[in-house]
Amino acid sequence: MARNKHPEQTFEKIVVTAARLFVEKGYEQTSVQDILDATGLSKGGLYHHFKSKEQILDAVMQRRIQYVNKRFQELIRNTPGKNAKEKLKKILGQLAADAETHALDQALASQLDPHFVVNGIQTCVDQDAPIVAGLIREGNHDGSLHVQQPELCAEVFLMLLNYWANPVLFHRNSEETKVRLRYLQSVMIQLGLDLIDDSLIADLIQAYVQ
């Protein structure tokens, strides 16, 4: 059998195609044969990269995490604002409205593995929170924010926003999610991080129900 001269391209094709099918059909309803049909690969071609549908799911989830992290870094670098508070609010709004960020949420809601959740939490604390903390310190300096212990506040904010308030993890409806976002809003105001407004809450609810 001829060797695949472009294994990286084949790997990426499988992952991209599987992600699209998971969104369109749902994870449970998507079979390995569906992925084979859509990619035009043989079973051997697919199983050279993935031994099961679960392994494909793992790759899809890792790709999603990488995309969100990359998008966050881009927004940090490129989002303008008259001060740090305005910049942070714009970044949160753009992430909430980013369809790619939330595309797989509902399709994979029933397949969330503790491995993905823990990996996401570690990324949140180790990578994302220090960046947000830097912007909070900027806000303290320019007077737009008044936060004690920016590092801890950033961790608490991201953990509550991304996990505690996330209806995908806890299977809540939009009204229950709105209540939690409102409570998070009040908690953050008390901590001096007044970033969550009505517009952001509406964007988050819309993203979750799509």
N, C-alpha and C. Protein backbone atom coordinates (compact mmCIF):
# COMPACT_ATOMS: atom_id res chain seq x y z
N MET A 1 0.84 -1.19 0.00
CA MET A 1 0.00 0.00 0.00
C MET A 1 0.89 1.25 0.00
N ALA A 2 0.53 2.24 -0.81
CA ALA A 2 1.31 3.47 -0.90
C ALA A 2 1.21 4.26 0.39
N ARG A 3 2.33 4.87 0.76
CA ARG A 3 2.33 5.66 1.97
C ARG A 3 1.63 7.00 1.74
N ASN A 4 0.98 7.49 2.76
CA ASN A 4 0.38 8.81 2.71
C ASN A 4 1.49 9.84 2.80
N LYS A 5 1.64 10.67 1.75
CA LYS A 5 2.75 11.63 1.72
C LYS A 5 2.46 12.85 2.59
N HIS A 6 1.22 13.04 2.99
CA HIS A 6 0.86 14.23 3.75
C HIS A 6 0.01 13.83 4.97
N PRO A 7 0.61 13.11 5.93
CA PRO A 7 -0.17 12.64 7.09
C PRO A 7 -0.77 13.77 7.91
N GLU A 8 -0.07 14.92 8.01
CA GLU A 8 -0.60 16.04 8.79
C GLU A 8 -1.88 16.57 8.16
N GLN A 9 -1.90 16.64 6.83
CA GLN A 9 -3.10 17.13 6.14
C GLN A 9 -4.26 16.17 6.32
N THR A 10 -3.96 14.87 6.28
CA THR A 10 -5.02 13.88 6.49
C THR A 10 -5.58 13.95 7.90
N PHE A 11 -4.69 14.09 8.88
CA PHE A 11 -5.11 14.23 10.27
C PHE A 11 -6.03 15.44 10.42
N GLU A 12 -5.62 16.57 9.87
CA GLU A 12 -6.41 17.80 9.98
C GLU A 12 -7.75 17.65 9.26
N LYS A 13 -7.75 16.98 8.12
CA LYS A 13 -8.99 16.77 7.37
C LYS A 13 -9.99 15.95 8.20
N ILE A 14 -9.50 14.93 8.87
CA ILE A 14 -10.37 14.09 9.70
C ILE A 14 -10.96 14.91 10.84
N VAL A 15 -10.12 15.69 11.50
CA VAL A 15 -10.57 16.46 12.67
C VAL A 15 -11.57 17.54 12.26
N VAL A 16 -11.28 18.26 11.20
CA VAL A 16 -12.17 19.33 10.74
C VAL A 16 -13.51 18.75 10.29
N THR A 17 -13.45 17.65 9.56
CA THR A 17 -14.68 17.02 9.07
C THR A 17 -15.51 16.47 10.21
N ALA A 18 -14.85 15.81 11.15
CA ALA A 18 -15.57 15.26 12.31
C ALA A 18 -16.22 16.37 13.12
N ALA A 19 -15.52 17.47 13.33
CA ALA A 19 -16.08 18.59 14.08
C ALA A 19 -17.35 19.11 13.40
N ARG A 20 -17.31 19.23 12.08
CA ARG A 20 -18.49 19.70 11.34
C ARG A 20 -19.65 18.73 11.48
N LEU A 21 -19.36 17.45 11.39
CA LEU A 21 -20.42 16.44 11.51
C LEU A 21 -20.99 16.39 12.92
N PHE A 22 -20.13 16.56 13.93
CA PHE A 22 -20.61 16.56 15.31
C PHE A 22 -21.59 17.72 15.53
N VAL A 23 -21.30 18.87 14.90
CA VAL A 23 -22.18 20.03 15.04
C VAL A 23 -23.48 19.79 14.29
N GLU A 24 -23.38 19.26 13.07
CA GLU A 24 -24.56 19.07 12.22
C GLU A 24 -25.47 17.95 12.71
N LYS A 25 -24.86 16.84 13.13
CA LYS A 25 -25.64 15.64 13.45
C LYS A 25 -25.69 15.31 14.94
N GLY A 26 -24.72 15.83 15.68
CA GLY A 26 -24.55 15.42 17.06
C GLY A 26 -23.51 14.31 17.15
N TYR A 27 -22.81 14.25 18.28
CA TYR A 27 -21.74 13.25 18.43
C TYR A 27 -22.28 11.83 18.34
N GLU A 28 -23.33 11.54 19.10
CA GLU A 28 -23.87 10.19 19.15
C GLU A 28 -24.38 9.73 17.78
N GLN A 29 -24.95 10.68 17.03
CA GLN A 29 -25.54 10.32 15.74
C GLN A 29 -24.52 10.24 14.61
N THR A 30 -23.30 10.67 14.87
CA THR A 30 -22.25 10.61 13.85
C THR A 30 -21.48 9.30 13.99
N SER A 31 -21.46 8.52 12.92
CA SER A 31 -20.75 7.25 12.95
C SER A 31 -19.38 7.40 12.29
N VAL A 32 -18.52 6.44 12.53
CA VAL A 32 -17.22 6.43 11.86
C VAL A 32 -17.42 6.36 10.36
N GLN A 33 -18.44 5.63 9.92
CA GLN A 33 -18.72 5.54 8.48
C GLN A 33 -19.09 6.90 7.91
N ASP A 34 -19.82 7.70 8.68
CA ASP A 34 -20.15 9.06 8.23
C ASP A 34 -18.86 9.86 7.98
N ILE A 35 -17.92 9.72 8.88
CA ILE A 35 -16.65 10.44 8.75
C ILE A 35 -15.87 9.93 7.54
N LEU A 36 -15.89 8.62 7.34
CA LEU A 36 -15.22 8.03 6.17
C LEU A 36 -15.85 8.55 4.88
N ASP A 37 -17.16 8.56 4.83
CA ASP A 37 -17.86 9.02 3.63
C ASP A 37 -17.55 10.48 3.33
N ALA A 38 -17.51 11.29 4.38
CA ALA A 38 -17.31 12.72 4.19
C ALA A 38 -15.87 13.06 3.82
N THR A 39 -14.92 12.26 4.30
CA THR A 39 -13.51 12.53 4.00
C THR A 39 -13.02 11.80 2.76
N GLY A 40 -13.73 10.72 2.37
CA GLY A 40 -13.29 9.92 1.24
C GLY A 40 -12.13 9.01 1.58
N LEU A 41 -11.88 8.81 2.87
CA LEU A 41 -10.78 7.95 3.30
C LEU A 41 -11.23 6.50 3.42
N SER A 42 -10.27 5.61 3.35
CA SER A 42 -10.53 4.20 3.65
C SER A 42 -10.47 4.02 5.17
N LYS A 43 -10.97 2.87 5.65
CA LYS A 43 -10.87 2.60 7.08
C LYS A 43 -9.42 2.59 7.54
N GLY A 44 -8.56 2.02 6.70
CA GLY A 44 -7.15 1.97 7.05
C GLY A 44 -6.54 3.36 7.14
N GLY A 45 -6.96 4.24 6.23
CA GLY A 45 -6.46 5.61 6.25
C GLY A 45 -6.86 6.35 7.51
N LEU A 46 -8.10 6.11 7.95
CA LEU A 46 -8.56 6.77 9.18
C LEU A 46 -7.93 6.13 10.41
N TYR A 47 -7.92 4.80 10.48
CA TYR A 47 -7.41 4.11 11.68
C TYR A 47 -5.90 4.23 11.83
N HIS A 48 -5.22 4.68 10.76
CA HIS A 48 -3.80 4.99 10.89
C HIS A 48 -3.60 6.14 11.88
N HIS A 49 -4.58 7.06 11.94
CA HIS A 49 -4.49 8.23 12.81
C HIS A 49 -5.31 8.09 14.09
N PHE A 50 -6.45 7.42 14.00
CA PHE A 50 -7.36 7.31 15.14
C PHE A 50 -7.89 5.88 15.24
N LYS A 51 -7.84 5.34 16.44
CA LYS A 51 -8.30 3.96 16.65
C LYS A 51 -9.79 3.89 16.97
N SER A 52 -10.41 5.03 17.28
CA SER A 52 -11.83 5.02 17.67
C SER A 52 -12.42 6.41 17.47
N LYS A 53 -13.75 6.47 17.52
CA LYS A 53 -14.43 7.77 17.44
C LYS A 53 -14.10 8.62 18.66
N GLU A 54 -13.87 7.98 19.79
CA GLU A 54 -13.52 8.70 21.01
C GLU A 54 -12.19 9.44 20.85
N GLN A 55 -11.24 8.80 20.18
CA GLN A 55 -9.96 9.46 19.93
C GLN A 55 -10.13 10.66 19.00
N ILE A 56 -11.04 10.55 18.05
CA ILE A 56 -11.32 11.68 17.16
C ILE A 56 -11.93 12.82 17.96
N LEU A 57 -12.84 12.47 18.87
CA LEU A 57 -13.44 13.48 19.74
C LEU A 57 -12.37 14.19 20.55
N ASP A 58 -11.43 13.44 21.08
CA ASP A 58 -10.33 14.02 21.86
C ASP A 58 -9.59 15.06 21.03
N ALA A 59 -9.28 14.71 19.76
CA ALA A 59 -8.56 15.63 18.88
C ALA A 59 -9.40 16.87 18.56
N VAL A 60 -10.70 16.67 18.37
CA VAL A 60 -11.61 17.79 18.09
C VAL A 60 -11.63 18.75 19.28
N MET A 61 -11.71 18.22 20.49
CA MET A 61 -11.75 19.05 21.68
C MET A 61 -10.43 19.80 21.89
N GLN A 62 -9.33 19.11 21.65
CA GLN A 62 -8.03 19.76 21.80
C GLN A 62 -7.88 20.90 20.79
N ARG A 63 -8.37 20.67 19.59
CA ARG A 63 -8.30 21.70 18.55
C ARG A 63 -9.14 22.91 18.95
N ARG A 64 -10.29 22.65 19.55
CA ARG A 64 -11.16 23.74 20.00
C ARG A 64 -10.48 24.55 21.10
N ILE A 65 -9.85 23.88 22.05
CA ILE A 65 -9.15 24.58 23.12
C ILE A 65 -8.03 25.45 22.54
N GLN A 66 -7.30 24.91 21.57
CA GLN A 66 -6.21 25.66 20.93
C GLN A 66 -6.75 26.88 20.20
N TYR A 67 -7.91 26.71 19.53
CA TYR A 67 -8.50 27.83 18.81
C TYR A 67 -8.89 28.95 19.78
N VAL A 68 -9.57 28.60 20.86
CA VAL A 68 -10.03 29.60 21.82
C VAL A 68 -8.83 30.33 22.44
N ASN A 69 -7.77 29.59 22.78
CA ASN A 69 -6.59 30.21 23.36
C ASN A 69 -5.92 31.17 22.37
N LYS A 70 -5.83 30.74 21.12
CA LYS A 70 -5.23 31.58 20.08
C LYS A 70 -6.06 32.83 19.86
N ARG A 71 -7.39 32.66 19.81
CA ARG A 71 -8.29 33.80 19.60
C ARG A 71 -8.17 34.79 20.77
N PHE A 72 -8.09 34.28 21.97
CA PHE A 72 -7.94 35.13 23.15
C PHE A 72 -6.66 35.95 23.07
N GLN A 73 -5.56 35.30 22.69
CA GLN A 73 -4.27 35.99 22.57
C GLN A 73 -4.34 37.07 21.50
N GLU A 74 -4.99 36.78 20.37
CA GLU A 74 -5.13 37.76 19.30
C GLU A 74 -5.91 38.99 19.76
N LEU A 75 -6.99 38.74 20.49
CA LEU A 75 -7.81 39.85 20.98
C LEU A 75 -7.05 40.70 21.99
N ILE A 76 -6.27 40.06 22.84
CA ILE A 76 -5.46 40.80 23.81
C ILE A 76 -4.51 41.75 23.08
N ARG A 77 -3.90 41.27 22.00
CA ARG A 77 -2.92 42.06 21.27
C ARG A 77 -3.57 43.17 20.44
N ASN A 78 -4.75 42.90 19.87
CA ASN A 78 -5.29 43.77 18.82
C ASN A 78 -6.51 44.60 19.20
N THR A 79 -7.08 44.40 20.38
CA THR A 79 -8.28 45.14 20.74
C THR A 79 -7.92 46.51 21.32
N PRO A 80 -8.43 47.58 20.70
CA PRO A 80 -8.15 48.92 21.23
C PRO A 80 -9.09 49.27 22.38
N GLY A 81 -8.75 50.30 23.12
CA GLY A 81 -9.61 50.76 24.20
C GLY A 81 -9.00 51.98 24.85
N LYS A 82 -9.85 52.89 25.34
CA LYS A 82 -9.32 54.11 25.96
C LYS A 82 -8.67 53.81 27.30
N ASN A 83 -9.04 52.65 27.88
CA ASN A 83 -8.40 52.21 29.12
C ASN A 83 -8.52 50.69 29.21
N ALA A 84 -7.93 50.11 30.24
CA ALA A 84 -7.89 48.65 30.36
C ALA A 84 -9.28 48.06 30.56
N LYS A 85 -10.13 48.74 31.32
CA LYS A 85 -11.49 48.24 31.55
C LYS A 85 -12.26 48.14 30.24
N GLU A 86 -12.19 49.18 29.42
CA GLU A 86 -12.89 49.16 28.14
C GLU A 86 -12.34 48.05 27.24
N LYS A 87 -11.04 47.87 27.24
CA LYS A 87 -10.41 46.83 26.43
C LYS A 87 -10.88 45.44 26.86
N LEU A 88 -10.90 45.20 28.16
CA LEU A 88 -11.35 43.90 28.68
C LEU A 88 -12.82 43.63 28.33
N LYS A 89 -13.66 44.65 28.44
CA LYS A 89 -15.08 44.49 28.12
C LYS A 89 -15.26 44.15 26.63
N LYS A 90 -14.48 44.81 25.78
CA LYS A 90 -14.56 44.52 24.34
C LYS A 90 -14.10 43.09 24.05
N ILE A 91 -13.04 42.66 24.70
CA ILE A 91 -12.52 41.30 24.49
C ILE A 91 -13.56 40.27 24.90
N LEU A 92 -14.17 40.45 26.06
CA LEU A 92 -15.19 39.51 26.53
C LEU A 92 -16.38 39.48 25.58
N GLY A 93 -16.78 40.65 25.08
CA GLY A 93 -17.89 40.71 24.14
C GLY A 93 -17.60 40.00 22.84
N GLN A 94 -16.37 40.16 22.34
CA GLN A 94 -15.99 39.50 21.09
C GLN A 94 -15.90 37.98 21.25
N LEU A 95 -15.39 37.53 22.38
CA LEU A 95 -15.34 36.09 22.63
C LEU A 95 -16.74 35.50 22.76
N ALA A 96 -17.63 36.23 23.42
CA ALA A 96 -19.00 35.75 23.59
C ALA A 96 -19.71 35.63 22.25
N ALA A 97 -19.38 36.54 21.33
CA ALA A 97 -20.06 36.57 20.04
C ALA A 97 -19.37 35.70 18.98
N ASP A 98 -18.24 35.10 19.33
CA ASP A 98 -17.47 34.30 18.37
C ASP A 98 -18.13 32.94 18.18
N ALA A 99 -18.72 32.74 17.00
CA ALA A 99 -19.47 31.51 16.73
C ALA A 99 -18.59 30.27 16.82
N GLU A 100 -17.35 30.38 16.37
CA GLU A 100 -16.45 29.22 16.38
C GLU A 100 -16.14 28.78 17.80
N THR A 101 -16.05 29.74 18.71
CA THR A 101 -15.75 29.42 20.11
C THR A 101 -16.82 28.52 20.71
N HIS A 102 -18.08 28.75 20.33
CA HIS A 102 -19.20 28.04 20.94
C HIS A 102 -19.82 26.97 20.04
N ALA A 103 -19.24 26.76 18.85
CA ALA A 103 -19.88 25.90 17.84
C ALA A 103 -20.14 24.48 18.34
N LEU A 104 -19.22 23.94 19.13
CA LEU A 104 -19.33 22.54 19.54
C LEU A 104 -20.01 22.35 20.89
N ASP A 105 -20.37 23.44 21.56
CA ASP A 105 -20.87 23.33 22.93
C ASP A 105 -22.05 22.38 23.05
N GLN A 106 -23.10 22.64 22.29
CA GLN A 106 -24.31 21.84 22.41
C GLN A 106 -24.11 20.44 21.85
N ALA A 107 -23.36 20.34 20.74
CA ALA A 107 -23.15 19.03 20.11
C ALA A 107 -22.42 18.06 21.03
N LEU A 108 -21.54 18.60 21.88
CA LEU A 108 -20.71 17.74 22.73
C LEU A 108 -21.11 17.80 24.20
N ALA A 109 -22.24 18.43 24.48
CA ALA A 109 -22.64 18.61 25.88
C ALA A 109 -22.73 17.30 26.63
N SER A 110 -23.21 16.25 25.98
CA SER A 110 -23.39 14.96 26.66
C SER A 110 -22.11 14.13 26.68
N GLN A 111 -21.04 14.64 26.04
CA GLN A 111 -19.81 13.87 25.94
C GLN A 111 -18.64 14.50 26.68
N LEU A 112 -18.94 15.48 27.54
CA LEU A 112 -17.87 16.15 28.25
C LEU A 112 -17.15 15.17 29.19
N ASP A 113 -15.89 15.02 28.95
CA ASP A 113 -15.06 14.12 29.72
C ASP A 113 -14.35 14.92 30.81
N PRO A 114 -14.23 14.38 32.03
CA PRO A 114 -13.50 15.10 33.08
C PRO A 114 -12.11 15.54 32.65
N HIS A 115 -11.50 14.76 31.76
CA HIS A 115 -10.17 15.11 31.25
C HIS A 115 -10.20 16.47 30.57
N PHE A 116 -11.22 16.73 29.74
CA PHE A 116 -11.31 18.01 29.04
C PHE A 116 -11.58 19.14 30.01
N VAL A 117 -12.44 18.89 30.99
CA VAL A 117 -12.78 19.93 31.96
C VAL A 117 -11.55 20.31 32.77
N VAL A 118 -10.82 19.31 33.28
CA VAL A 118 -9.62 19.58 34.07
C VAL A 118 -8.57 20.28 33.23
N ASN A 119 -8.40 19.84 32.00
CA ASN A 119 -7.44 20.47 31.10
C ASN A 119 -7.79 21.93 30.87
N GLY A 120 -9.10 22.19 30.70
CA GLY A 120 -9.55 23.55 30.50
C GLY A 120 -9.32 24.42 31.73
N ILE A 121 -9.56 23.87 32.90
CA ILE A 121 -9.34 24.61 34.15
C ILE A 121 -7.86 24.95 34.32
N GLN A 122 -7.00 23.99 34.03
CA GLN A 122 -5.56 24.23 34.15
C GLN A 122 -5.11 25.32 33.19
N THR A 123 -5.63 25.28 31.96
CA THR A 123 -5.30 26.31 30.97
C THR A 123 -5.81 27.67 31.44
N CYS A 124 -7.00 27.67 32.00
CA CYS A 124 -7.62 28.90 32.50
C CYS A 124 -6.75 29.55 33.57
N VAL A 125 -6.29 28.75 34.53
CA VAL A 125 -5.51 29.28 35.65
C VAL A 125 -4.08 29.59 35.24
N ASP A 126 -3.46 28.69 34.47
CA ASP A 126 -2.03 28.82 34.16
C ASP A 126 -1.73 29.78 33.02
N GLN A 127 -2.65 29.91 32.05
CA GLN A 127 -2.37 30.72 30.86
C GLN A 127 -3.25 31.96 30.75
N ASP A 128 -4.57 31.78 30.88
CA ASP A 128 -5.48 32.90 30.64
C ASP A 128 -5.51 33.89 31.80
N ALA A 129 -5.58 33.38 33.02
CA ALA A 129 -5.69 34.27 34.19
C ALA A 129 -4.51 35.24 34.31
N PRO A 130 -3.26 34.82 34.09
CA PRO A 130 -2.16 35.79 34.19
C PRO A 130 -2.29 36.93 33.17
N ILE A 131 -2.84 36.62 31.99
CA ILE A 131 -3.02 37.67 30.98
C ILE A 131 -4.07 38.67 31.44
N VAL A 132 -5.19 38.14 31.93
CA VAL A 132 -6.26 39.01 32.44
C VAL A 132 -5.75 39.81 33.64
N ALA A 133 -4.96 39.17 34.49
CA ALA A 133 -4.40 39.87 35.66
C ALA A 133 -3.54 41.05 35.22
N GLY A 134 -2.80 40.87 34.14
CA GLY A 134 -1.98 41.97 33.62
C GLY A 134 -2.83 43.15 33.19
N LEU A 135 -3.96 42.86 32.54
CA LEU A 135 -4.87 43.93 32.14
C LEU A 135 -5.54 44.58 33.35
N ILE A 136 -5.83 43.78 34.37
CA ILE A 136 -6.41 44.34 35.59
C ILE A 136 -5.41 45.30 36.25
N ARG A 137 -4.14 44.90 36.28
CA ARG A 137 -3.12 45.80 36.84
C ARG A 137 -3.03 47.10 36.04
N GLU A 138 -3.17 46.96 34.70
CA GLU A 138 -3.21 48.15 33.84
C GLU A 138 -4.37 49.05 34.25
N GLY A 139 -5.54 48.42 34.48
CA GLY A 139 -6.72 49.17 34.89
C GLY A 139 -6.54 49.84 36.23
N ASN A 140 -5.89 49.16 37.16
CA ASN A 140 -5.59 49.78 38.44
C ASN A 140 -4.70 51.01 38.25
N HIS A 141 -3.77 50.88 37.32
CA HIS A 141 -2.82 51.97 37.08
C HIS A 141 -3.50 53.16 36.40
N ASP A 142 -4.39 52.88 35.41
CA ASP A 142 -5.02 54.01 34.69
C ASP A 142 -6.29 54.51 35.38
N GLY A 143 -6.69 53.85 36.49
CA GLY A 143 -7.81 54.32 37.27
C GLY A 143 -9.17 53.80 36.84
N SER A 144 -9.20 52.94 35.79
CA SER A 144 -10.49 52.42 35.33
C SER A 144 -10.96 51.23 36.15
N LEU A 145 -10.05 50.59 36.90
CA LEU A 145 -10.40 49.47 37.76
C LEU A 145 -9.78 49.69 39.15
N HIS A 146 -10.34 49.03 40.13
CA HIS A 146 -9.84 49.15 41.51
C HIS A 146 -9.93 47.77 42.15
N VAL A 147 -8.96 46.93 41.82
CA VAL A 147 -8.98 45.52 42.21
C VAL A 147 -7.79 45.21 43.11
N GLN A 148 -8.06 44.63 44.26
CA GLN A 148 -7.00 44.11 45.10
C GLN A 148 -6.66 42.69 44.64
N GLN A 149 -5.40 42.35 44.67
CA GLN A 149 -4.92 41.02 44.28
C GLN A 149 -5.42 40.63 42.88
N PRO A 150 -4.94 41.31 41.84
CA PRO A 150 -5.39 41.06 40.47
C PRO A 150 -5.26 39.61 40.02
N GLU A 151 -4.21 38.93 40.47
CA GLU A 151 -4.00 37.54 40.04
C GLU A 151 -5.13 36.64 40.53
N LEU A 152 -5.46 36.76 41.82
CA LEU A 152 -6.53 35.92 42.38
C LEU A 152 -7.88 36.31 41.80
N CYS A 153 -8.11 37.59 41.63
CA CYS A 153 -9.38 38.06 41.09
C CYS A 153 -9.57 37.54 39.66
N ALA A 154 -8.52 37.54 38.85
CA ALA A 154 -8.60 37.04 37.48
C ALA A 154 -8.95 35.56 37.46
N GLU A 155 -8.33 34.78 38.35
CA GLU A 155 -8.62 33.35 38.42
C GLU A 155 -10.08 33.10 38.81
N VAL A 156 -10.53 33.81 39.84
CA VAL A 156 -11.92 33.65 40.29
C VAL A 156 -12.90 34.02 39.18
N PHE A 157 -12.65 35.14 38.52
CA PHE A 157 -13.54 35.61 37.47
C PHE A 157 -13.65 34.60 36.33
N LEU A 158 -12.51 34.14 35.82
CA LEU A 158 -12.53 33.21 34.69
C LEU A 158 -13.11 31.86 35.06
N MET A 159 -12.80 31.39 36.26
CA MET A 159 -13.34 30.10 36.68
C MET A 159 -14.86 30.14 36.80
N LEU A 160 -15.38 31.22 37.40
CA LEU A 160 -16.82 31.34 37.56
C LEU A 160 -17.51 31.56 36.21
N LEU A 161 -16.92 32.37 35.36
CA LEU A 161 -17.53 32.66 34.07
C LEU A 161 -17.50 31.44 33.15
N ASN A 162 -16.35 30.78 33.08
CA ASN A 162 -16.18 29.68 32.11
C ASN A 162 -16.75 28.35 32.59
N TYR A 163 -16.86 28.16 33.89
CA TYR A 163 -17.28 26.86 34.40
C TYR A 163 -18.55 26.94 35.26
N TRP A 164 -18.52 27.68 36.34
CA TRP A 164 -19.68 27.73 37.23
C TRP A 164 -20.93 28.25 36.51
N ALA A 165 -20.78 29.27 35.68
CA ALA A 165 -21.94 29.85 35.00
C ALA A 165 -22.25 29.21 33.66
N ASN A 166 -21.47 28.22 33.28
CA ASN A 166 -21.61 27.61 31.95
C ASN A 166 -22.73 26.56 31.95
N PRO A 167 -23.82 26.81 31.21
CA PRO A 167 -24.94 25.86 31.22
C PRO A 167 -24.64 24.55 30.51
N VAL A 168 -23.61 24.54 29.68
CA VAL A 168 -23.25 23.30 28.98
C VAL A 168 -22.76 22.26 29.97
N LEU A 169 -22.05 22.70 30.99
CA LEU A 169 -21.53 21.76 32.00
C LEU A 169 -22.62 21.27 32.95
N PHE A 170 -23.61 22.13 33.22
CA PHE A 170 -24.60 21.81 34.24
C PHE A 170 -26.02 21.67 33.70
N HIS A 171 -26.17 21.73 32.38
CA HIS A 171 -27.48 21.51 31.73
C HIS A 171 -28.56 22.42 32.30
N ARG A 172 -28.25 23.71 32.34
CA ARG A 172 -29.22 24.70 32.80
C ARG A 172 -29.89 25.38 31.61
N ASN A 173 -31.09 25.91 31.85
CA ASN A 173 -31.75 26.66 30.80
C ASN A 173 -31.26 28.12 30.82
N SER A 174 -31.74 28.92 29.88
CA SER A 174 -31.23 30.28 29.74
C SER A 174 -31.57 31.15 30.94
N GLU A 175 -32.75 30.95 31.52
CA GLU A 175 -33.13 31.76 32.67
C GLU A 175 -32.26 31.45 33.88
N GLU A 176 -31.99 30.18 34.12
CA GLU A 176 -31.11 29.79 35.23
C GLU A 176 -29.70 30.33 35.02
N THR A 177 -29.26 30.30 33.76
CA THR A 177 -27.93 30.83 33.45
C THR A 177 -27.88 32.33 33.66
N LYS A 178 -28.93 33.03 33.28
CA LYS A 178 -28.98 34.48 33.46
C LYS A 178 -28.90 34.84 34.94
N VAL A 179 -29.57 34.07 35.79
CA VAL A 179 -29.52 34.34 37.23
C VAL A 179 -28.07 34.24 37.73
N ARG A 180 -27.35 33.24 37.27
CA ARG A 180 -25.96 33.06 37.70
C ARG A 180 -25.05 34.17 37.16
N LEU A 181 -25.29 34.57 35.93
CA LEU A 181 -24.50 35.67 35.36
C LEU A 181 -24.76 36.97 36.09
N ARG A 182 -26.00 37.20 36.49
CA ARG A 182 -26.34 38.39 37.28
C ARG A 182 -25.63 38.35 38.64
N TYR A 183 -25.60 37.17 39.24
CA TYR A 183 -24.93 37.05 40.53
C TYR A 183 -23.43 37.26 40.37
N LEU A 184 -22.87 36.69 39.29
CA LEU A 184 -21.44 36.90 39.01
C LEU A 184 -21.16 38.38 38.80
N GLN A 185 -22.06 39.07 38.11
CA GLN A 185 -21.92 40.50 37.90
C GLN A 185 -21.81 41.24 39.23
N SER A 186 -22.70 40.91 40.18
CA SER A 186 -22.69 41.60 41.48
C SER A 186 -21.43 41.27 42.27
N VAL A 187 -20.97 40.03 42.20
CA VAL A 187 -19.75 39.63 42.92
C VAL A 187 -18.55 40.39 42.37
N MET A 188 -18.45 40.48 41.05
CA MET A 188 -17.31 41.16 40.44
C MET A 188 -17.31 42.66 40.74
N ILE A 189 -18.48 43.26 40.82
CA ILE A 189 -18.56 44.68 41.19
C ILE A 189 -17.96 44.88 42.58
N GLN A 190 -18.30 43.97 43.50
CA GLN A 190 -17.76 44.08 44.87
C GLN A 190 -16.25 43.92 44.90
N LEU A 191 -15.72 43.15 43.94
CA LEU A 191 -14.26 42.94 43.88
C LEU A 191 -13.55 44.02 43.07
N GLY A 192 -14.33 44.98 42.54
CA GLY A 192 -13.74 46.07 41.77
C GLY A 192 -13.54 45.78 40.30
N LEU A 193 -14.05 44.62 39.84
CA LEU A 193 -13.89 44.23 38.44
C LEU A 193 -15.25 44.32 37.75
N ASP A 194 -15.67 45.52 37.46
CA ASP A 194 -17.00 45.79 36.90
C ASP A 194 -16.96 45.65 35.38
N LEU A 195 -17.01 44.41 34.90
CA LEU A 195 -16.89 44.14 33.46
C LEU A 195 -18.18 43.61 32.85
N ILE A 196 -18.98 42.92 33.62
CA ILE A 196 -20.18 42.26 33.07
C ILE A 196 -21.34 43.24 33.06
N ASP A 197 -21.82 43.54 31.85
CA ASP A 197 -22.98 44.42 31.72
C ASP A 197 -24.11 43.65 31.03
N ASP A 198 -25.24 44.34 30.82
CA ASP A 198 -26.41 43.70 30.23
C ASP A 198 -26.11 43.17 28.83
N SER A 199 -25.31 43.92 28.08
CA SER A 199 -24.98 43.52 26.72
C SER A 199 -24.19 42.21 26.70
N LEU A 200 -23.21 42.09 27.59
CA LEU A 200 -22.41 40.86 27.65
C LEU A 200 -23.27 39.69 28.10
N ILE A 201 -24.13 39.90 29.07
CA ILE A 201 -25.02 38.82 29.53
C ILE A 201 -25.89 38.34 28.37
N ALA A 202 -26.44 39.27 27.60
CA ALA A 202 -27.28 38.90 26.45
C ALA A 202 -26.48 38.13 25.42
N ASP A 203 -25.23 38.56 25.16
CA ASP A 203 -24.37 37.87 24.18
C ASP A 203 -24.04 36.45 24.65
N LEU A 204 -23.76 36.29 25.94
CA LEU A 204 -23.44 34.97 26.47
C LEU A 204 -24.64 34.04 26.41
N ILE A 205 -25.81 34.54 26.76
CA ILE A 205 -27.02 33.72 26.69
C ILE A 205 -27.28 33.30 25.25
N GLN A 206 -27.12 34.23 24.33
CA GLN A 206 -27.34 33.92 22.92
C GLN A 206 -26.36 32.87 22.43
N ALA A 207 -25.11 32.98 22.84
CA ALA A 207 -24.10 32.01 22.41
C ALA A 207 -24.40 30.62 22.95
N TYR A 208 -24.88 30.54 24.19
CA TYR A 208 -25.15 29.26 24.81
C TYR A 208 -26.36 28.55 24.21
N VAL A 209 -27.36 29.32 23.76
CA VAL A 209 -28.59 28.69 23.26
C VAL A 209 -28.53 28.36 21.78
N GLN A 210 -27.49 28.81 21.08
CA GLN A 210 -27.39 28.53 19.65
C GLN A 210 -27.15 27.04 19.42
